[in-house]
Protein backbone atom coordinates (compact mmCIF):
# COMPACT_ATOMS: atom_id res chain seq x y z
CA MET A 1 15.20 -13.07 -39.86
CA ALA A 2 16.64 -10.14 -38.46
CA GLU A 3 19.17 -10.36 -35.38
CA LEU A 4 17.55 -9.68 -31.54
CA ALA A 5 19.03 -6.20 -29.77
CA ILE A 6 19.54 -8.67 -27.12
CA LEU A 7 22.11 -11.17 -29.36
CA GLY A 8 23.61 -8.32 -31.39
CA GLY A 9 21.50 -6.95 -33.81
CA GLU A 10 19.78 -3.70 -33.97
CA LYS A 11 17.17 -2.20 -31.95
CA THR A 12 13.22 -1.91 -33.14
CA ARG A 13 12.70 1.40 -31.60
CA GLU A 14 15.44 3.58 -30.95
CA GLU A 15 12.70 6.33 -30.54
CA LYS A 16 12.01 7.53 -26.42
CA TYR A 17 8.24 6.85 -25.76
CA PRO A 18 6.64 10.16 -23.90
CA SER A 19 8.47 10.15 -20.21
CA TRP A 20 6.02 10.31 -17.23
CA PRO A 21 4.93 11.79 -15.53
CA VAL A 22 3.50 15.37 -17.72
CA TYR A 23 4.21 18.74 -16.53
CA ASP A 24 3.57 22.47 -17.65
CA GLU A 25 3.41 26.16 -16.76
CA ARG A 26 0.54 25.28 -14.95
CA ASP A 27 2.10 22.00 -12.21
CA ILE A 28 4.52 25.60 -11.42
CA GLU A 29 1.28 27.83 -10.66
CA ALA A 30 -0.43 25.84 -8.92
CA VAL A 31 2.69 24.05 -6.22
CA THR A 32 3.24 28.50 -6.02
CA ARG A 33 0.21 29.68 -5.80
CA VAL A 34 0.62 27.26 -2.53
CA VAL A 35 3.37 28.21 -1.94
CA ARG A 36 2.45 31.93 -1.41
CA SER A 37 -0.68 31.64 0.30
CA GLY A 38 1.69 29.54 3.15
CA HIS A 39 -0.79 26.80 3.57
CA TRP A 40 1.24 24.02 3.05
CA GLY A 41 -0.15 20.99 5.20
CA GLY A 42 -2.77 19.41 5.45
CA TYR A 43 -4.10 21.36 8.55
CA PRO A 44 -6.96 21.98 8.63
CA TYR A 45 -8.80 19.16 7.30
CA PRO A 46 -10.04 19.58 4.25
CA GLY A 47 -7.80 22.28 3.03
CA VAL A 48 -8.73 24.58 -0.02
CA GLU A 49 -7.01 22.18 -2.69
CA THR A 50 -7.56 19.10 -1.55
CA LYS A 51 -12.12 19.72 -1.15
CA ARG A 52 -11.06 21.16 -4.90
CA PHE A 53 -9.93 18.32 -5.68
CA ILE A 54 -12.05 15.65 -3.74
CA ASP A 55 -14.88 17.39 -5.70
CA SER A 56 -13.37 17.16 -9.33
CA PHE A 57 -12.67 13.46 -9.20
CA LEU A 58 -15.60 12.47 -8.02
CA GLU A 59 -17.90 14.43 -9.99
CA MET A 60 -15.28 12.27 -12.72
CA GLN A 61 -16.05 8.77 -11.01
CA GLY A 62 -19.05 9.51 -9.15
CA GLY A 63 -19.46 8.23 -5.24
CA ASN A 64 -20.66 9.62 -2.55
CA TYR A 65 -17.81 10.61 -0.23
CA GLY A 66 -14.50 11.33 -0.85
CA VAL A 67 -11.09 11.11 1.63
CA LEU A 68 -8.34 12.46 0.71
CA MET A 69 -4.97 10.83 2.16
CA MET A 70 -1.44 10.52 1.62
CA ASN A 71 -1.08 6.89 -0.51
CA GLY A 72 -3.30 4.37 -2.07
CA THR A 73 -2.35 1.13 1.26
CA VAL A 74 -3.24 4.23 3.93
CA THR A 75 -7.04 3.96 1.90
CA MET A 76 -7.56 0.58 1.95
CA GLU A 77 -6.62 0.60 6.05
CA ILE A 78 -8.38 3.59 6.60
CA ALA A 79 -11.91 2.03 4.64
CA LEU A 80 -11.28 -1.41 6.85
CA ARG A 81 -11.14 0.60 10.34
CA ALA A 82 -13.57 2.87 9.85
CA ALA A 83 -16.10 0.00 8.94
CA GLU A 84 -14.53 -2.05 12.20
CA VAL A 85 -13.40 -4.90 9.76
CA GLY A 86 -10.35 -5.82 13.28
CA TRP A 87 -8.50 -7.97 14.95
CA GLY A 88 -8.88 -11.33 14.19
CA ASP A 89 -10.97 -10.14 11.05
CA GLU A 90 -10.06 -12.21 7.77
CA VAL A 91 -10.29 -9.64 4.28
CA LEU A 92 -9.73 -11.92 0.99
CA VAL A 93 -7.22 -10.51 -1.17
CA PRO A 94 -6.04 -11.30 -4.99
CA ALA A 95 -2.93 -13.45 -5.31
CA TYR A 96 -1.76 -11.48 -8.17
CA THR A 97 -1.62 -7.46 -6.86
CA PHE A 98 0.95 -5.10 -4.68
CA GLN A 99 1.53 -6.45 -1.13
CA ALA A 100 0.08 -3.26 -0.74
CA THR A 101 -3.40 -4.89 -0.87
CA ALA A 102 -2.26 -7.62 1.46
CA ALA A 103 -0.76 -5.39 4.01
CA ALA A 104 -3.25 -3.11 4.06
CA PRO A 105 -5.47 -5.03 6.56
CA MET A 106 -2.31 -6.66 8.55
CA ALA A 107 -1.98 -2.84 9.47
CA ALA A 108 -5.67 -2.83 10.69
CA GLY A 109 -5.02 -6.08 13.13
CA ALA A 110 -7.05 -8.03 10.52
CA ILE A 111 -5.79 -11.06 8.07
CA PRO A 112 -5.09 -11.42 4.48
CA ILE A 113 -6.82 -13.79 2.70
CA ILE A 114 -4.83 -15.18 -0.87
CA VAL A 115 -7.23 -16.41 -2.86
CA ASP A 116 -6.28 -16.86 -6.96
CA ILE A 117 -6.93 -15.32 -10.41
CA ASP A 118 -9.48 -15.66 -13.01
CA PRO A 119 -6.92 -16.96 -15.64
CA HIS A 120 -8.83 -14.55 -18.43
CA THR A 121 -8.52 -11.37 -16.41
CA TYR A 122 -6.27 -11.90 -13.71
CA CYS A 123 -8.55 -10.23 -11.55
CA ILE A 124 -9.88 -12.18 -8.14
CA ASP A 125 -12.01 -14.95 -8.84
CA PRO A 126 -15.62 -15.01 -7.20
CA LYS A 127 -15.07 -18.56 -7.62
CA ALA A 128 -12.38 -19.18 -5.48
CA ALA A 129 -13.17 -16.15 -3.56
CA GLU A 130 -16.24 -17.28 -2.46
CA ALA A 131 -14.70 -20.80 -1.20
CA ALA A 132 -12.22 -19.68 1.16
CA ILE A 133 -14.86 -17.63 3.45
CA THR A 134 -15.33 -18.88 7.00
CA GLU A 135 -17.31 -17.44 9.81
CA ARG A 136 -14.21 -14.91 9.87
CA THR A 137 -14.37 -13.50 6.90
CA ARG A 138 -15.40 -9.51 6.79
CA ALA A 139 -14.04 -8.12 3.66
CA ILE A 140 -12.75 -8.48 0.12
CA ILE A 141 -10.68 -6.37 -1.51
CA PRO A 142 -11.17 -7.35 -5.16
CA VAL A 143 -8.27 -5.38 -7.21
CA HIS A 144 -8.96 -3.66 -10.94
CA LEU A 145 -5.33 -4.85 -12.41
CA GLY A 146 -3.84 -3.72 -14.86
CA ALA A 147 -6.36 -2.62 -17.91
CA GLN A 148 -8.78 -4.58 -16.31
CA MET A 149 -11.72 -5.26 -13.86
CA ALA A 150 -12.91 -7.58 -11.28
CA ASP A 151 -15.78 -9.11 -11.83
CA MET A 152 -18.11 -6.62 -9.67
CA ASP A 153 -21.34 -8.86 -10.76
CA ALA A 154 -19.94 -11.38 -8.91
CA ILE A 155 -18.63 -9.92 -6.33
CA MET A 156 -21.28 -7.76 -4.55
CA ALA A 157 -23.74 -10.51 -5.71
CA LEU A 158 -21.33 -12.39 -2.68
CA ALA A 159 -20.94 -9.82 -0.88
CA GLU A 160 -24.62 -9.32 -0.17
CA LYS A 161 -25.26 -13.12 0.63
CA TYR A 162 -22.06 -13.12 3.40
CA ASN A 163 -21.91 -9.52 4.70
CA LEU A 164 -19.24 -8.41 3.39
CA ILE A 165 -17.34 -5.15 3.42
CA VAL A 166 -16.38 -4.75 -0.73
CA VAL A 167 -13.19 -1.92 -0.91
CA GLU A 168 -12.47 -2.10 -4.34
CA ASP A 169 -8.85 -1.57 -5.05
CA CYS A 170 -8.74 1.39 -8.01
CA ALA A 171 -5.03 1.86 -8.13
CA HIS A 172 -5.17 1.29 -11.47
CA ALA A 173 -8.34 2.29 -12.51
CA HIS A 174 -8.75 5.88 -12.57
CA GLY A 175 -11.75 6.79 -15.12
CA ALA A 176 -12.51 2.99 -15.04
CA LYS A 177 -16.16 2.20 -15.70
CA TRP A 178 -18.49 -1.45 -14.88
CA ARG A 179 -21.51 -1.33 -16.61
CA GLY A 180 -21.51 2.19 -16.59
CA GLN A 181 -20.58 3.25 -12.76
CA GLY A 182 -17.41 4.55 -12.25
CA ALA A 183 -14.81 2.00 -10.58
CA GLY A 184 -14.71 2.63 -7.00
CA THR A 185 -17.94 3.82 -6.42
CA ILE A 186 -19.78 -0.26 -6.62
CA GLY A 187 -18.39 -1.38 -3.52
CA HIS A 188 -18.56 0.67 0.10
CA PHE A 189 -15.28 1.88 -0.67
CA GLY A 190 -13.67 2.44 -3.32
CA SER A 191 -9.15 3.06 -3.02
CA PHE A 192 -7.32 5.24 -5.49
CA SER A 193 -3.28 5.68 -5.77
CA MET A 194 -2.11 9.42 -6.67
CA GLN A 195 1.43 7.48 -6.75
CA SER A 196 4.07 8.56 -9.52
CA SER A 197 3.84 6.08 -11.44
CA LYS A 198 -0.40 5.68 -11.30
CA THR A 199 -2.46 7.52 -14.55
CA MET A 200 -2.85 10.85 -12.25
CA THR A 201 -0.34 11.89 -10.21
CA ALA A 202 0.96 14.27 -7.56
CA GLY A 203 4.46 11.88 -6.64
CA GLU A 204 1.97 10.64 -3.46
CA GLY A 205 -1.33 10.59 -2.51
CA GLY A 206 -4.09 8.80 -2.25
CA LEU A 207 -7.80 9.25 -2.63
CA LEU A 208 -11.06 6.88 -0.73
CA ILE A 209 -14.75 7.13 -1.96
CA CYS A 210 -16.62 5.86 0.51
CA ARG A 211 -20.76 5.19 -0.10
CA ASP A 212 -21.99 6.23 2.97
CA GLN A 213 -21.49 9.10 4.57
CA GLU A 214 -20.85 8.26 8.54
CA MET A 215 -18.17 5.85 7.05
CA ALA A 216 -16.76 9.12 5.44
CA TYR A 217 -16.80 11.13 8.73
CA ARG A 218 -14.96 8.22 10.60
CA ALA A 219 -12.20 7.87 7.82
CA MET A 220 -12.07 11.90 8.20
CA SER A 221 -11.29 11.43 11.77
CA LEU A 222 -9.05 8.48 11.85
CA ILE A 223 -6.58 10.26 9.45
CA ASP A 224 -6.45 13.77 10.88
CA CYS A 225 -5.26 12.60 14.25
CA GLY A 226 -8.63 11.57 15.19
CA ARG A 227 -9.82 14.90 15.89
CA PRO A 228 -13.92 14.66 14.75
CA HIS A 229 -15.31 15.64 11.42
CA ASP A 230 -19.10 14.81 11.70
CA PRO A 231 -21.39 18.23 12.00
CA ASP A 232 -21.95 17.12 16.34
CA GLY A 233 -18.19 16.96 16.31
CA THR A 234 -18.90 14.17 18.36
CA MET A 235 -17.52 11.24 15.83
CA PHE A 236 -13.69 10.81 17.40
CA THR A 237 -11.58 8.07 16.20
CA MET A 238 -7.81 7.07 17.41
CA GLY A 239 -6.81 8.54 14.60
CA ALA A 240 -2.91 9.60 12.78
CA ASN A 241 -1.74 11.96 10.68
CA TYR A 242 -2.18 10.70 7.11
CA ARG A 243 -3.64 14.14 5.97
CA VAL A 244 -1.98 14.98 2.10
CA SER A 245 -0.57 17.81 1.85
CA GLU A 246 -1.85 21.20 -0.12
CA LEU A 247 1.27 21.03 -2.44
CA GLN A 248 -0.27 17.24 -3.67
CA ALA A 249 -3.73 18.08 -3.71
CA ALA A 250 -2.80 21.06 -5.61
CA LEU A 251 -0.49 19.07 -8.22
CA LEU A 252 -3.64 16.83 -8.61
CA ASN A 253 -5.68 19.27 -9.55
CA VAL A 254 -3.53 20.01 -12.70
CA ALA A 255 -3.36 16.45 -13.03
CA ILE A 256 -6.95 15.78 -12.52
CA GLU A 257 -7.71 18.34 -15.97
CA ARG A 258 -5.03 16.75 -18.32
CA PHE A 259 -6.94 13.25 -17.24
CA PRO A 260 -9.56 13.12 -19.77
CA ALA A 261 -7.87 14.02 -23.16
CA GLN A 262 -4.87 11.21 -21.38
CA ALA A 263 -7.45 9.01 -21.28
CA LYS A 264 -9.14 8.94 -24.02
CA GLN A 265 -5.87 8.53 -26.34
CA ARG A 266 -4.97 5.91 -23.76
CA GLU A 267 -8.08 3.56 -25.20
CA GLU A 268 -7.65 4.83 -28.86
CA LEU A 269 -4.26 3.68 -29.26
CA ALA A 270 -5.29 -0.09 -26.44
CA ALA A 271 -7.97 -0.79 -28.66
CA TYR A 272 -5.71 -0.56 -32.33
CA MET A 273 -3.76 -2.93 -29.53
CA ASP A 274 -5.71 -5.68 -29.58
CA GLU A 275 -6.29 -6.00 -32.76
CA ALA A 276 -2.69 -5.10 -33.30
CA LEU A 277 -1.72 -8.40 -30.48
CA SER A 278 -4.62 -10.76 -31.77
CA GLU A 279 -2.18 -11.66 -35.14
CA VAL A 280 1.03 -12.33 -33.09
CA SER A 281 1.11 -16.39 -32.67
CA GLY A 282 1.52 -17.51 -29.62
CA VAL A 283 0.19 -13.85 -27.39
CA ARG A 284 -3.32 -13.76 -25.53
CA VAL A 285 -4.78 -10.99 -25.40
CA LEU A 286 -7.15 -10.94 -22.22
CA PRO A 287 -10.65 -10.75 -23.14
CA ARG A 288 -13.10 -7.33 -22.51
CA ASP A 289 -16.12 -8.22 -20.50
CA PRO A 290 -18.72 -6.35 -22.14
CA ARG A 291 -20.11 -5.27 -18.83
CA HIS A 292 -16.58 -3.23 -18.62
CA THR A 293 -17.71 0.10 -20.36
CA THR A 294 -14.67 2.07 -20.05
CA ARG A 295 -11.43 0.85 -19.78
CA SER A 296 -8.01 2.57 -17.52
CA PHE A 297 -4.69 1.89 -18.98
CA TYR A 298 -2.23 1.86 -15.61
CA CYS A 299 -0.58 -0.86 -18.06
CA TYR A 300 -1.60 -2.95 -20.57
CA VAL A 301 -1.17 -6.84 -19.96
CA PHE A 302 -1.64 -9.29 -22.53
CA ALA A 303 -0.95 -13.52 -21.99
CA ILE A 304 1.78 -15.49 -23.58
CA ASP A 305 1.85 -19.20 -24.39
CA PRO A 306 5.82 -20.25 -23.36
CA GLU A 307 5.14 -23.34 -25.88
CA THR A 308 3.41 -20.99 -29.48
CA PHE A 309 5.98 -18.48 -28.09
CA GLY A 310 9.29 -20.20 -27.19
CA ALA A 311 10.31 -18.96 -23.83
CA ASP A 312 8.66 -17.89 -20.86
CA HIS A 313 7.72 -14.41 -20.35
CA ASP A 314 10.91 -12.82 -18.49
CA VAL A 315 13.09 -13.89 -21.32
CA VAL A 316 10.10 -12.43 -23.97
CA CYS A 317 10.39 -9.13 -21.52
CA ALA A 318 14.39 -8.71 -21.19
CA ALA A 319 14.55 -9.12 -25.34
CA LEU A 320 11.37 -6.64 -25.66
CA HIS A 321 13.35 -4.19 -22.96
CA MET A 322 16.48 -4.30 -25.71
CA GLU A 323 14.17 -3.57 -28.66
CA GLY A 324 13.24 -0.04 -27.40
CA ILE A 325 9.70 -1.05 -25.77
CA PRO A 326 8.93 -0.32 -21.88
CA ASN A 327 7.84 -3.54 -19.98
CA TRP A 328 7.27 -5.40 -16.71
CA GLU A 329 7.00 -9.02 -15.74
CA GLY A 330 4.65 -8.07 -13.39
CA TYR A 331 3.79 -9.03 -9.84
CA GLU A 332 4.80 -12.28 -8.11
CA ALA A 333 2.52 -14.40 -6.76
CA MET A 334 1.59 -13.13 -3.25
CA ASN A 335 2.55 -16.05 -1.62
CA ARG A 336 5.53 -15.42 -3.45
CA TYR A 337 6.92 -12.22 -3.11
CA GLU A 338 9.71 -11.31 -2.62
CA LEU A 339 7.73 -7.73 -0.87
CA PHE A 340 5.19 -9.12 1.44
CA GLN A 341 6.67 -10.89 4.23
CA PRO A 342 4.76 -10.89 6.68
CA HIS A 343 7.09 -12.36 9.51
CA LEU A 344 9.60 -9.60 8.89
CA SER A 345 6.88 -7.06 10.22
CA LYS A 346 6.50 -7.98 13.56
CA LEU A 347 3.06 -7.02 13.81
CA ALA A 348 1.27 -8.98 16.49
CA VAL A 349 -1.53 -10.58 13.16
CA PRO A 350 0.95 -13.42 11.68
CA SER A 351 2.67 -13.96 15.23
CA ALA A 352 -0.67 -14.75 16.21
CA PHE A 353 -2.71 -16.38 13.10
CA PRO A 354 0.36 -18.32 11.66
CA ASP A 355 -1.24 -21.33 9.97
CA LYS A 356 -2.80 -18.60 7.47
CA PHE A 357 0.57 -17.58 6.55
CA GLN A 358 1.87 -20.95 5.64
CA PHE A 359 2.54 -20.07 1.97
CA GLU A 360 4.06 -23.38 0.98
CA GLY A 361 1.39 -25.54 1.04
CA MET A 362 -1.12 -22.46 -0.70
CA SER A 363 -2.34 -23.46 -4.51
CA LEU A 364 -2.67 -21.10 -6.39
CA PRO A 365 -2.17 -22.25 -9.96
CA GLU A 366 -3.42 -19.74 -12.57
CA ALA A 367 -2.09 -16.68 -10.22
CA VAL A 368 1.56 -18.83 -10.38
CA ARG A 369 0.95 -19.06 -14.04
CA ALA A 370 0.32 -15.85 -15.08
CA CYS A 371 3.63 -14.56 -12.30
CA GLU A 372 5.63 -17.24 -13.46
CA HIS A 373 5.16 -18.16 -17.25
CA GLU A 374 2.89 -16.38 -18.68
CA ALA A 375 1.46 -11.89 -18.00
CA VAL A 376 3.32 -9.14 -20.25
CA TRP A 377 2.68 -5.54 -19.42
CA PHE A 378 3.26 -3.56 -21.42
CA GLY A 379 3.92 0.72 -20.17
CA GLU A 380 1.59 2.81 -20.73
CA SER A 381 4.16 5.09 -22.43
CA ILE A 382 3.17 3.49 -25.33
CA PHE A 383 -0.52 4.19 -25.44
CA ARG A 384 0.58 8.13 -25.48
CA SER A 385 2.76 7.67 -28.48
CA SER A 386 0.76 7.24 -31.30
CA ARG A 387 -0.30 4.10 -33.52
CA GLU A 388 3.37 3.69 -35.00
CA GLY A 389 3.99 3.69 -31.06
CA VAL A 390 1.85 0.55 -31.00
CA ASP A 391 3.14 -0.74 -33.90
CA ASP A 392 6.87 -0.32 -32.92
CA ALA A 393 5.87 -2.48 -29.76
CA VAL A 394 4.02 -4.96 -32.06
CA SER A 395 6.83 -5.32 -34.10
CA ALA A 396 9.23 -6.71 -31.55
CA LEU A 397 7.18 -9.02 -30.34
CA ARG A 398 6.56 -10.31 -33.21
CA LYS A 399 10.15 -10.33 -34.32
CA ILE A 400 10.64 -11.89 -30.63
CA GLN A 401 8.61 -14.70 -31.22
CA GLU A 402 9.82 -15.79 -34.74
CA ARG A 403 13.32 -15.73 -33.71
CA LEU A 404 12.62 -17.94 -30.58
CA SER A 405 9.62 -20.15 -32.59
CA GLN A 406 12.91 -21.05 -35.03
CA ASP A 407 15.44 -21.59 -32.60
CA PRO A 408 14.71 -23.00 -29.43
CA GLY A 409 18.48 -22.26 -28.53
CA ALA A 410 18.12 -18.50 -28.56
CA ALA A 411 16.22 -18.56 -25.50
CA ALA A 412 18.75 -20.80 -23.79
CA GLU A 413 21.27 -17.79 -24.73
CA ILE A 414 18.60 -15.29 -23.69
CA ARG A 415 19.23 -17.16 -19.93
CA ARG A 416 22.81 -17.07 -19.96
CA LEU A 417 22.47 -13.61 -20.37
CA LEU A 418 19.83 -12.94 -18.00
CA ALA A 419 21.87 -14.81 -15.37
CA GLU A 420 25.27 -12.90 -16.11
CA TYR A 421 23.35 -9.53 -15.51
CA HIS A 422 21.95 -10.34 -12.25
CA GLU A 423 24.84 -11.94 -10.93
């Protein structure tokens, strides 16, 4: 039995996986074109490059109206403000997501209500969401996580039943589709991130898809210092400058040209990964809902059974890293997330509604299980490599499982090394 690299053995893979972001002369030419034009910023909004990207993105993803802005956190705040969700309103958010999903409602004056996740998808559990609805609930933000989508049929049924605004967090879901309909076009709003790690990036940036034209006018006003964007020029708001620059939009116009080929490659290799991982003892491949007709791969997320595999996911992830396989343990549960510290915000919401932020009393068993024991995230670069790259990742995982299951002391030794590393 081969020794693990983290314990002094040979690495499974020496070759580096493809780097991100991808760039070539087209990016340099696009930025050069904008620099020479002299129109670098976002005013007047939308600029030529910005308008071009919005049109291209809507053509790809679907949806009625798009508003490009500075990042994918602001998109969610602006969506809520455009829908007049604000002070004291409650917004349901999943316990397993980046902190921005819960921070955005606070920025709009609303209260994020954290609810548990579906163990099969790691996305928000519609039953848990319904149980959390009160007379103050105004909106829900389902997050399409990793390569999964939330159950949008159930979410939209809740929205209709309780008159809720739905803001889809699609930071991981560029190109994804549910029943053939683009992610972000099913709810009232769809929020996309173009941050550095995302599958379509300009370093920073965010796009908001709006179902309703009036909401789009309000969103444009809110990001453009309150200037009206409706035809009559009367719809002023208390806005701020959240515009995107023309330099970023130019990079996005190149990125969206590359995206179809990249998405196809990721999809093909992820399907191959599904099959390969299903044969590894102690691994649970998250099932694909047949309604999820097109997947998008920001990261590939799967679960391990710590008892069968021989260790919790932190040990597995550390061992995988040393084998040359890019991976991550994923987010912390929102009520334990170091990046989500409402009491440090000095915003009025946590002070005015302290009972809504008593995290120690929250019961989120599925999120805690995923975040602290099960979830392993494979980096998207694996799915821009080759079948050999996928085989290496699976071989490394199998190697680790065999060692840990046969030698219980190996996990303890890896934990000791991790503790030394973090000291």
